[in-house]
Amino acid sequence: MAWRIRQAGYADLEGAARTKALSWVESYAELVPDDVLRRQLDPKRISRTVAFWGDVLEGGGSVWIVVEDQGEIMGVAQAGIGSEDAPTPLELSVLYLRKEAQGSGVADALLRTAIGDSPAYLWVLAGNARAHAFYRRHGFVPDGTTKMIEGLGITKERWARTEAV
């Protein structure tokens, strides 16, 4: 299957939000309680994601999507200015792929498209060995900061790449 990465437009945002939700369901079954996974697909939650990404586009930011041959959105990434207390100014806030696209190499290209070789940080679920290996390959390491995701009962870890690669 051929993949294409491009900037999302407003018309793509609902599909991108649905892709994010479906990737949670497909990838996090061993890490996240079933009720949390089901909530990802709630239309109100998807609408909030669409509205947030609409604001990102309105503010001049980018949302990147992976599109397969038939036009279906199979991945999404978004990066921007992070919090003041972060180890770098740039935060990779979203990088999700549907199961079908995982292992194809498109995640590497999507990461490079979203943040290039810049120093950056991100949050990743504790215990997500696949994501940990992926980010480690790209120069990220855990910085020791953890947080509980409010309302979900799940711990996330902050990983950082403080040097350009």
N, C-alpha and C. Protein backbone atom coordinates (compact mmCIF):
# COMPACT_ATOMS: atom_id res chain seq x y z
N MET A 1 0.85 -1.18 0.00
CA MET A 1 0.00 0.00 0.00
C MET A 1 0.89 1.24 0.00
N ALA A 2 0.51 2.23 -0.77
CA ALA A 2 1.25 3.48 -0.83
C ALA A 2 0.62 4.49 0.13
N TRP A 3 1.47 5.23 0.82
CA TRP A 3 1.02 6.24 1.78
C TRP A 3 1.49 7.60 1.29
N ARG A 4 0.70 8.60 1.57
CA ARG A 4 1.05 9.97 1.24
C ARG A 4 0.83 10.82 2.48
N ILE A 5 1.77 11.68 2.79
CA ILE A 5 1.63 12.59 3.92
C ILE A 5 1.36 13.98 3.36
N ARG A 6 0.36 14.63 3.94
CA ARG A 6 0.05 16.00 3.50
C ARG A 6 -0.57 16.77 4.66
N GLN A 7 -0.58 18.09 4.50
CA GLN A 7 -1.25 18.91 5.50
C GLN A 7 -2.74 18.70 5.42
N ALA A 8 -3.37 18.66 6.57
CA ALA A 8 -4.82 18.54 6.63
C ALA A 8 -5.46 19.89 6.39
N GLY A 9 -6.58 19.87 5.71
CA GLY A 9 -7.43 21.04 5.58
C GLY A 9 -8.62 20.88 6.52
N TYR A 10 -9.44 21.88 6.60
CA TYR A 10 -10.60 21.81 7.49
C TYR A 10 -11.48 20.60 7.20
N ALA A 11 -11.63 20.28 5.91
CA ALA A 11 -12.49 19.15 5.54
C ALA A 11 -11.93 17.80 5.98
N ASP A 12 -10.65 17.74 6.32
CA ASP A 12 -10.00 16.50 6.75
C ASP A 12 -10.10 16.26 8.25
N LEU A 13 -10.46 17.28 9.01
CA LEU A 13 -10.30 17.20 10.46
C LEU A 13 -11.18 16.14 11.12
N GLU A 14 -12.39 15.95 10.65
CA GLU A 14 -13.23 14.92 11.26
C GLU A 14 -12.64 13.53 11.01
N GLY A 15 -12.18 13.27 9.80
CA GLY A 15 -11.55 11.99 9.50
C GLY A 15 -10.28 11.79 10.31
N ALA A 16 -9.51 12.85 10.49
CA ALA A 16 -8.29 12.77 11.28
C ALA A 16 -8.61 12.49 12.75
N ALA A 17 -9.65 13.14 13.28
CA ALA A 17 -10.06 12.91 14.67
C ALA A 17 -10.56 11.48 14.86
N ARG A 18 -11.29 10.99 13.89
CA ARG A 18 -11.77 9.60 13.95
C ARG A 18 -10.58 8.62 13.89
N THR A 19 -9.60 8.94 13.06
CA THR A 19 -8.39 8.11 12.96
C THR A 19 -7.66 8.07 14.30
N LYS A 20 -7.56 9.21 14.95
CA LYS A 20 -6.93 9.25 16.27
C LYS A 20 -7.68 8.34 17.24
N ALA A 21 -8.99 8.45 17.27
CA ALA A 21 -9.81 7.64 18.17
C ALA A 21 -9.68 6.15 17.86
N LEU A 22 -9.75 5.80 16.59
CA LEU A 22 -9.63 4.39 16.20
C LEU A 22 -8.25 3.83 16.51
N SER A 23 -7.23 4.66 16.38
CA SER A 23 -5.89 4.17 16.69
C SER A 23 -5.76 3.85 18.19
N TRP A 24 -6.43 4.62 19.04
CA TRP A 24 -6.46 4.28 20.46
C TRP A 24 -7.09 2.90 20.65
N VAL A 25 -8.24 2.70 20.04
CA VAL A 25 -8.97 1.43 20.19
C VAL A 25 -8.11 0.27 19.68
N GLU A 26 -7.45 0.46 18.55
CA GLU A 26 -6.65 -0.61 17.95
C GLU A 26 -5.34 -0.87 18.68
N SER A 27 -4.76 0.15 19.28
CA SER A 27 -3.40 0.03 19.80
C SER A 27 -3.28 -0.06 21.32
N TYR A 28 -4.28 0.38 22.05
CA TYR A 28 -4.12 0.52 23.50
C TYR A 28 -4.93 -0.47 24.32
N ALA A 29 -5.44 -1.52 23.72
CA ALA A 29 -6.32 -2.46 24.44
C ALA A 29 -5.65 -3.04 25.68
N GLU A 30 -4.35 -3.25 25.64
CA GLU A 30 -3.64 -3.83 26.80
C GLU A 30 -3.23 -2.78 27.82
N LEU A 31 -3.35 -1.51 27.47
CA LEU A 31 -2.87 -0.43 28.34
C LEU A 31 -3.98 0.40 28.98
N VAL A 32 -5.15 0.38 28.35
CA VAL A 32 -6.21 1.31 28.72
C VAL A 32 -7.50 0.52 28.96
N PRO A 33 -8.24 0.86 30.01
CA PRO A 33 -9.51 0.17 30.26
C PRO A 33 -10.48 0.30 29.08
N ASP A 34 -11.30 -0.73 28.88
CA ASP A 34 -12.26 -0.77 27.77
C ASP A 34 -13.17 0.45 27.72
N ASP A 35 -13.66 0.90 28.89
CA ASP A 35 -14.57 2.04 28.89
C ASP A 35 -13.88 3.31 28.38
N VAL A 36 -12.60 3.44 28.66
CA VAL A 36 -11.84 4.60 28.17
C VAL A 36 -11.71 4.52 26.66
N LEU A 37 -11.45 3.33 26.16
CA LEU A 37 -11.33 3.16 24.71
C LEU A 37 -12.65 3.48 24.01
N ARG A 38 -13.76 3.01 24.58
CA ARG A 38 -15.07 3.29 23.98
C ARG A 38 -15.36 4.79 23.95
N ARG A 39 -14.94 5.50 25.00
CA ARG A 39 -15.18 6.95 25.05
C ARG A 39 -14.44 7.70 23.95
N GLN A 40 -13.35 7.14 23.46
CA GLN A 40 -12.60 7.81 22.40
C GLN A 40 -13.46 8.01 21.16
N LEU A 41 -14.40 7.10 20.94
CA LEU A 41 -15.26 7.15 19.75
C LEU A 41 -16.53 7.98 19.95
N ASP A 42 -16.70 8.56 21.12
CA ASP A 42 -17.87 9.39 21.39
C ASP A 42 -17.89 10.58 20.43
N PRO A 43 -19.00 10.80 19.73
CA PRO A 43 -19.06 11.90 18.76
C PRO A 43 -18.72 13.27 19.37
N LYS A 44 -19.09 13.50 20.64
CA LYS A 44 -18.75 14.78 21.27
C LYS A 44 -17.25 14.93 21.44
N ARG A 45 -16.58 13.85 21.79
CA ARG A 45 -15.12 13.88 21.94
C ARG A 45 -14.46 14.15 20.58
N ILE A 46 -14.95 13.48 19.55
CA ILE A 46 -14.40 13.70 18.20
C ILE A 46 -14.65 15.15 17.77
N SER A 47 -15.82 15.68 18.08
CA SER A 47 -16.12 17.08 17.74
C SER A 47 -15.18 18.05 18.46
N ARG A 48 -14.85 17.76 19.71
CA ARG A 48 -13.91 18.63 20.45
C ARG A 48 -12.53 18.60 19.80
N THR A 49 -12.10 17.41 19.34
CA THR A 49 -10.82 17.31 18.66
C THR A 49 -10.84 18.09 17.36
N VAL A 50 -11.92 17.96 16.60
CA VAL A 50 -12.07 18.71 15.35
C VAL A 50 -12.00 20.21 15.63
N ALA A 51 -12.69 20.68 16.65
CA ALA A 51 -12.68 22.11 17.00
C ALA A 51 -11.28 22.56 17.40
N PHE A 52 -10.59 21.75 18.20
CA PHE A 52 -9.23 22.11 18.62
C PHE A 52 -8.32 22.22 17.40
N TRP A 53 -8.35 21.22 16.53
CA TRP A 53 -7.49 21.26 15.34
C TRP A 53 -7.91 22.37 14.38
N GLY A 54 -9.19 22.70 14.36
CA GLY A 54 -9.63 23.85 13.57
C GLY A 54 -8.97 25.13 14.08
N ASP A 55 -8.88 25.26 15.40
CA ASP A 55 -8.19 26.41 16.00
C ASP A 55 -6.71 26.41 15.64
N VAL A 56 -6.10 25.21 15.62
CA VAL A 56 -4.68 25.10 15.23
C VAL A 56 -4.51 25.64 13.81
N LEU A 57 -5.36 25.20 12.88
CA LEU A 57 -5.27 25.67 11.49
C LEU A 57 -5.53 27.17 11.41
N GLU A 58 -6.54 27.62 12.14
CA GLU A 58 -6.89 29.05 12.12
C GLU A 58 -5.73 29.90 12.61
N GLY A 59 -4.95 29.37 13.55
CA GLY A 59 -3.81 30.09 14.11
C GLY A 59 -2.53 29.96 13.28
N GLY A 60 -2.62 29.30 12.13
CA GLY A 60 -1.46 29.17 11.26
C GLY A 60 -0.66 27.90 11.48
N GLY A 61 -1.11 27.02 12.38
CA GLY A 61 -0.42 25.77 12.62
C GLY A 61 -0.79 24.71 11.60
N SER A 62 -0.18 23.55 11.74
CA SER A 62 -0.42 22.45 10.80
C SER A 62 -0.85 21.20 11.52
N VAL A 63 -1.71 20.47 10.88
CA VAL A 63 -2.05 19.10 11.26
C VAL A 63 -1.67 18.28 10.04
N TRP A 64 -0.90 17.23 10.25
CA TRP A 64 -0.42 16.39 9.15
C TRP A 64 -1.19 15.08 9.15
N ILE A 65 -1.54 14.61 7.97
CA ILE A 65 -2.26 13.35 7.87
C ILE A 65 -1.55 12.39 6.91
N VAL A 66 -1.75 11.10 7.18
CA VAL A 66 -1.30 10.04 6.29
C VAL A 66 -2.54 9.55 5.56
N VAL A 67 -2.48 9.56 4.25
CA VAL A 67 -3.62 9.16 3.42
C VAL A 67 -3.20 7.94 2.59
N GLU A 68 -4.06 6.93 2.56
CA GLU A 68 -3.77 5.74 1.75
C GLU A 68 -4.33 5.92 0.34
N ASP A 69 -4.07 4.95 -0.52
CA ASP A 69 -4.42 5.04 -1.95
C ASP A 69 -5.87 5.45 -2.22
N GLN A 70 -6.79 4.94 -1.43
CA GLN A 70 -8.21 5.21 -1.65
C GLN A 70 -8.68 6.51 -0.99
N GLY A 71 -7.76 7.23 -0.35
CA GLY A 71 -8.10 8.50 0.27
C GLY A 71 -8.44 8.44 1.74
N GLU A 72 -8.42 7.24 2.33
CA GLU A 72 -8.74 7.12 3.76
C GLU A 72 -7.58 7.63 4.60
N ILE A 73 -7.89 8.38 5.63
CA ILE A 73 -6.87 8.90 6.55
C ILE A 73 -6.47 7.78 7.50
N MET A 74 -5.18 7.48 7.52
CA MET A 74 -4.66 6.37 8.31
C MET A 74 -3.72 6.82 9.42
N GLY A 75 -3.39 8.11 9.47
CA GLY A 75 -2.51 8.61 10.51
C GLY A 75 -2.65 10.11 10.64
N VAL A 76 -2.20 10.62 11.79
CA VAL A 76 -2.29 12.05 12.05
C VAL A 76 -1.16 12.46 13.00
N ALA A 77 -0.63 13.66 12.79
CA ALA A 77 0.39 14.22 13.68
C ALA A 77 0.17 15.72 13.79
N GLN A 78 0.57 16.25 14.94
CA GLN A 78 0.48 17.69 15.15
C GLN A 78 1.52 18.08 16.19
N ALA A 79 2.21 19.17 15.94
CA ALA A 79 3.22 19.67 16.87
C ALA A 79 3.04 21.17 17.01
N GLY A 80 3.52 21.72 18.11
CA GLY A 80 3.41 23.15 18.32
C GLY A 80 4.19 23.56 19.55
N ILE A 81 4.01 24.79 19.94
CA ILE A 81 4.69 25.33 21.11
C ILE A 81 4.12 24.65 22.35
N GLY A 82 5.00 24.13 23.19
CA GLY A 82 4.59 23.43 24.40
C GLY A 82 4.52 24.35 25.60
N SER A 83 4.52 23.76 26.76
CA SER A 83 4.39 24.52 28.00
C SER A 83 5.72 25.17 28.39
N GLU A 84 5.64 26.20 29.21
CA GLU A 84 6.82 26.97 29.61
C GLU A 84 7.83 26.14 30.39
N ASP A 85 7.37 25.17 31.15
CA ASP A 85 8.28 24.38 31.99
C ASP A 85 8.82 23.14 31.28
N ALA A 86 8.61 23.05 29.97
CA ALA A 86 9.02 21.87 29.19
C ALA A 86 10.52 21.92 28.90
N PRO A 87 11.10 20.78 28.58
CA PRO A 87 12.54 20.73 28.30
C PRO A 87 12.94 21.35 26.96
N THR A 88 11.99 21.52 26.04
CA THR A 88 12.21 22.17 24.76
C THR A 88 10.95 22.97 24.42
N PRO A 89 11.05 23.96 23.55
CA PRO A 89 9.85 24.72 23.18
C PRO A 89 8.85 23.93 22.34
N LEU A 90 9.33 22.97 21.55
CA LEU A 90 8.48 22.25 20.61
C LEU A 90 7.93 20.98 21.24
N GLU A 91 6.61 20.82 21.15
CA GLU A 91 5.95 19.61 21.64
C GLU A 91 5.32 18.86 20.47
N LEU A 92 5.63 17.57 20.38
CA LEU A 92 4.91 16.69 19.47
C LEU A 92 3.69 16.23 20.26
N SER A 93 2.55 16.83 19.99
CA SER A 93 1.37 16.56 20.81
C SER A 93 0.52 15.42 20.28
N VAL A 94 0.67 15.08 19.01
CA VAL A 94 -0.13 14.01 18.41
C VAL A 94 0.72 13.25 17.40
N LEU A 95 0.72 11.94 17.48
CA LEU A 95 1.24 11.08 16.42
C LEU A 95 0.55 9.74 16.59
N TYR A 96 -0.43 9.48 15.74
CA TYR A 96 -1.21 8.25 15.81
C TYR A 96 -1.34 7.65 14.42
N LEU A 97 -1.25 6.32 14.37
CA LEU A 97 -1.45 5.59 13.13
C LEU A 97 -2.44 4.47 13.37
N ARG A 98 -3.26 4.21 12.37
CA ARG A 98 -4.13 3.04 12.40
C ARG A 98 -3.25 1.80 12.34
N LYS A 99 -3.74 0.70 12.86
CA LYS A 99 -2.99 -0.55 12.94
C LYS A 99 -2.43 -0.97 11.58
N GLU A 100 -3.23 -0.81 10.55
CA GLU A 100 -2.83 -1.21 9.20
C GLU A 100 -1.57 -0.49 8.72
N ALA A 101 -1.35 0.73 9.18
CA ALA A 101 -0.19 1.52 8.74
C ALA A 101 1.03 1.31 9.64
N GLN A 102 0.83 0.76 10.81
CA GLN A 102 1.95 0.56 11.74
C GLN A 102 2.93 -0.46 11.17
N GLY A 103 4.21 -0.19 11.37
CA GLY A 103 5.25 -1.09 10.89
C GLY A 103 5.61 -0.89 9.43
N SER A 104 4.99 0.08 8.77
CA SER A 104 5.23 0.30 7.34
C SER A 104 6.36 1.29 7.08
N GLY A 105 6.81 2.00 8.11
CA GLY A 105 7.81 3.04 7.95
C GLY A 105 7.21 4.43 7.81
N VAL A 106 5.90 4.51 7.63
CA VAL A 106 5.28 5.82 7.45
C VAL A 106 5.32 6.64 8.74
N ALA A 107 5.37 6.00 9.89
CA ALA A 107 5.47 6.74 11.16
C ALA A 107 6.77 7.54 11.22
N ASP A 108 7.86 6.95 10.72
CA ASP A 108 9.14 7.67 10.70
C ASP A 108 9.01 8.93 9.85
N ALA A 109 8.40 8.79 8.68
CA ALA A 109 8.22 9.94 7.79
C ALA A 109 7.27 10.97 8.41
N LEU A 110 6.23 10.51 9.07
CA LEU A 110 5.27 11.43 9.69
C LEU A 110 5.94 12.22 10.82
N LEU A 111 6.76 11.55 11.62
CA LEU A 111 7.49 12.24 12.69
C LEU A 111 8.42 13.30 12.10
N ARG A 112 9.17 12.93 11.07
CA ARG A 112 10.08 13.90 10.43
C ARG A 112 9.31 15.07 9.84
N THR A 113 8.14 14.80 9.28
CA THR A 113 7.33 15.87 8.71
C THR A 113 6.84 16.82 9.80
N ALA A 114 6.43 16.27 10.92
CA ALA A 114 5.85 17.09 12.00
C ALA A 114 6.88 17.91 12.75
N ILE A 115 8.08 17.33 13.01
CA ILE A 115 9.06 18.06 13.84
C ILE A 115 10.46 18.12 13.25
N GLY A 116 10.67 17.49 12.09
CA GLY A 116 12.00 17.51 11.48
C GLY A 116 13.02 16.88 12.41
N ASP A 117 14.19 17.49 12.50
CA ASP A 117 15.24 16.98 13.38
C ASP A 117 15.39 17.85 14.63
N SER A 118 14.38 18.68 14.90
CA SER A 118 14.43 19.63 16.01
C SER A 118 14.35 18.96 17.37
N PRO A 119 14.93 19.60 18.37
CA PRO A 119 14.66 19.15 19.74
C PRO A 119 13.15 19.27 20.00
N ALA A 120 12.62 18.32 20.73
CA ALA A 120 11.17 18.31 21.00
C ALA A 120 10.91 17.41 22.20
N TYR A 121 9.69 17.50 22.70
CA TYR A 121 9.26 16.57 23.73
C TYR A 121 7.87 16.08 23.39
N LEU A 122 7.46 15.04 24.10
CA LEU A 122 6.15 14.43 23.88
C LEU A 122 5.74 13.69 25.14
N TRP A 123 4.50 13.30 25.18
CA TRP A 123 3.97 12.47 26.26
C TRP A 123 3.56 11.13 25.66
N VAL A 124 3.91 10.05 26.35
CA VAL A 124 3.59 8.71 25.87
C VAL A 124 3.06 7.89 27.04
N LEU A 125 2.13 6.99 26.77
CA LEU A 125 1.57 6.16 27.83
C LEU A 125 2.64 5.29 28.46
N ALA A 126 2.63 5.22 29.77
CA ALA A 126 3.53 4.31 30.49
C ALA A 126 3.21 2.89 30.05
N GLY A 127 4.22 2.08 29.85
CA GLY A 127 4.01 0.69 29.45
C GLY A 127 3.81 0.47 27.96
N ASN A 128 3.84 1.53 27.17
CA ASN A 128 3.63 1.40 25.72
C ASN A 128 4.98 1.08 25.06
N ALA A 129 5.38 -0.18 25.14
CA ALA A 129 6.71 -0.61 24.69
C ALA A 129 6.95 -0.30 23.21
N ARG A 130 5.94 -0.48 22.38
CA ARG A 130 6.11 -0.21 20.94
C ARG A 130 6.44 1.27 20.71
N ALA A 131 5.69 2.16 21.34
CA ALA A 131 5.95 3.60 21.20
C ALA A 131 7.29 3.97 21.81
N HIS A 132 7.62 3.39 22.95
CA HIS A 132 8.92 3.68 23.58
C HIS A 132 10.06 3.33 22.63
N ALA A 133 10.01 2.16 22.01
CA ALA A 133 11.06 1.76 21.07
C ALA A 133 11.12 2.71 19.87
N PHE A 134 9.97 3.10 19.37
CA PHE A 134 9.91 4.01 18.23
C PHE A 134 10.56 5.34 18.59
N TYR A 135 10.15 5.94 19.69
CA TYR A 135 10.68 7.25 20.05
C TYR A 135 12.16 7.17 20.42
N ARG A 136 12.58 6.11 21.08
CA ARG A 136 14.00 5.94 21.41
C ARG A 136 14.83 5.91 20.12
N ARG A 137 14.33 5.24 19.08
CA ARG A 137 15.03 5.20 17.78
C ARG A 137 15.22 6.60 17.20
N HIS A 138 14.34 7.51 17.57
CA HIS A 138 14.40 8.87 17.05
C HIS A 138 15.05 9.85 18.03
N GLY A 139 15.77 9.32 19.01
CA GLY A 139 16.55 10.16 19.91
C GLY A 139 15.84 10.65 21.15
N PHE A 140 14.63 10.20 21.41
CA PHE A 140 13.89 10.61 22.60
C PHE A 140 14.23 9.68 23.77
N VAL A 141 14.27 10.25 24.96
CA VAL A 141 14.47 9.45 26.18
C VAL A 141 13.52 9.99 27.25
N PRO A 142 13.11 9.13 28.19
CA PRO A 142 12.25 9.63 29.27
C PRO A 142 13.03 10.62 30.12
N ASP A 143 12.37 11.69 30.54
CA ASP A 143 13.06 12.68 31.37
C ASP A 143 12.66 12.57 32.85
N GLY A 144 11.89 11.54 33.18
CA GLY A 144 11.51 11.30 34.58
C GLY A 144 10.22 11.96 35.02
N THR A 145 9.60 12.75 34.16
CA THR A 145 8.35 13.43 34.50
C THR A 145 7.18 12.54 34.11
N THR A 146 6.25 12.34 35.04
CA THR A 146 5.05 11.55 34.76
C THR A 146 3.83 12.34 35.23
N LYS A 147 2.68 11.99 34.66
CA LYS A 147 1.39 12.60 35.01
C LYS A 147 0.31 11.55 34.87
N MET A 148 -0.70 11.68 35.71
CA MET A 148 -1.91 10.89 35.51
C MET A 148 -2.78 11.65 34.52
N ILE A 149 -3.37 10.93 33.59
CA ILE A 149 -4.30 11.56 32.66
C ILE A 149 -5.63 11.68 33.39
N GLU A 150 -6.04 12.91 33.61
CA GLU A 150 -7.24 13.19 34.38
C GLU A 150 -8.46 12.45 33.84
N GLY A 151 -9.16 11.80 34.72
CA GLY A 151 -10.39 11.12 34.36
C GLY A 151 -10.20 9.76 33.71
N LEU A 152 -8.95 9.39 33.41
CA LEU A 152 -8.71 8.12 32.74
C LEU A 152 -7.98 7.11 33.62
N GLY A 153 -7.29 7.59 34.65
CA GLY A 153 -6.55 6.68 35.52
C GLY A 153 -5.37 6.04 34.84
N ILE A 154 -4.75 6.73 33.89
CA ILE A 154 -3.63 6.22 33.12
C ILE A 154 -2.44 7.17 33.32
N THR A 155 -1.26 6.59 33.45
CA THR A 155 -0.06 7.41 33.61
C THR A 155 0.60 7.62 32.25
N LYS A 156 1.04 8.86 32.05
CA LYS A 156 1.83 9.15 30.85
C LYS A 156 3.19 9.68 31.29
N GLU A 157 4.18 9.46 30.44
CA GLU A 157 5.55 9.85 30.71
C GLU A 157 5.99 10.88 29.68
N ARG A 158 6.79 11.84 30.14
CA ARG A 158 7.34 12.81 29.20
C ARG A 158 8.69 12.31 28.70
N TRP A 159 8.83 12.32 27.38
CA TRP A 159 10.08 11.95 26.73
C TRP A 159 10.58 13.17 25.98
N ALA A 160 11.91 13.35 25.94
CA ALA A 160 12.47 14.53 25.29
C ALA A 160 13.65 14.16 24.40
N ARG A 161 13.80 14.95 23.37
CA ARG A 161 14.99 14.92 22.51
C ARG A 161 15.51 16.35 22.58
N THR A 162 16.56 16.56 23.35
CA THR A 162 17.03 17.91 23.63
C THR A 162 18.09 18.42 22.65
N GLU A 163 18.56 17.54 21.77
CA GLU A 163 19.53 17.92 20.74
C GLU A 163 18.92 17.64 19.37
N ALA A 164 19.29 18.42 18.38
CA ALA A 164 18.86 18.14 17.01
C ALA A 164 19.53 16.84 16.56
N VAL A 165 18.81 16.08 15.76
CA VAL A 165 19.38 14.81 15.25
C VAL A 165 19.72 14.91 13.79
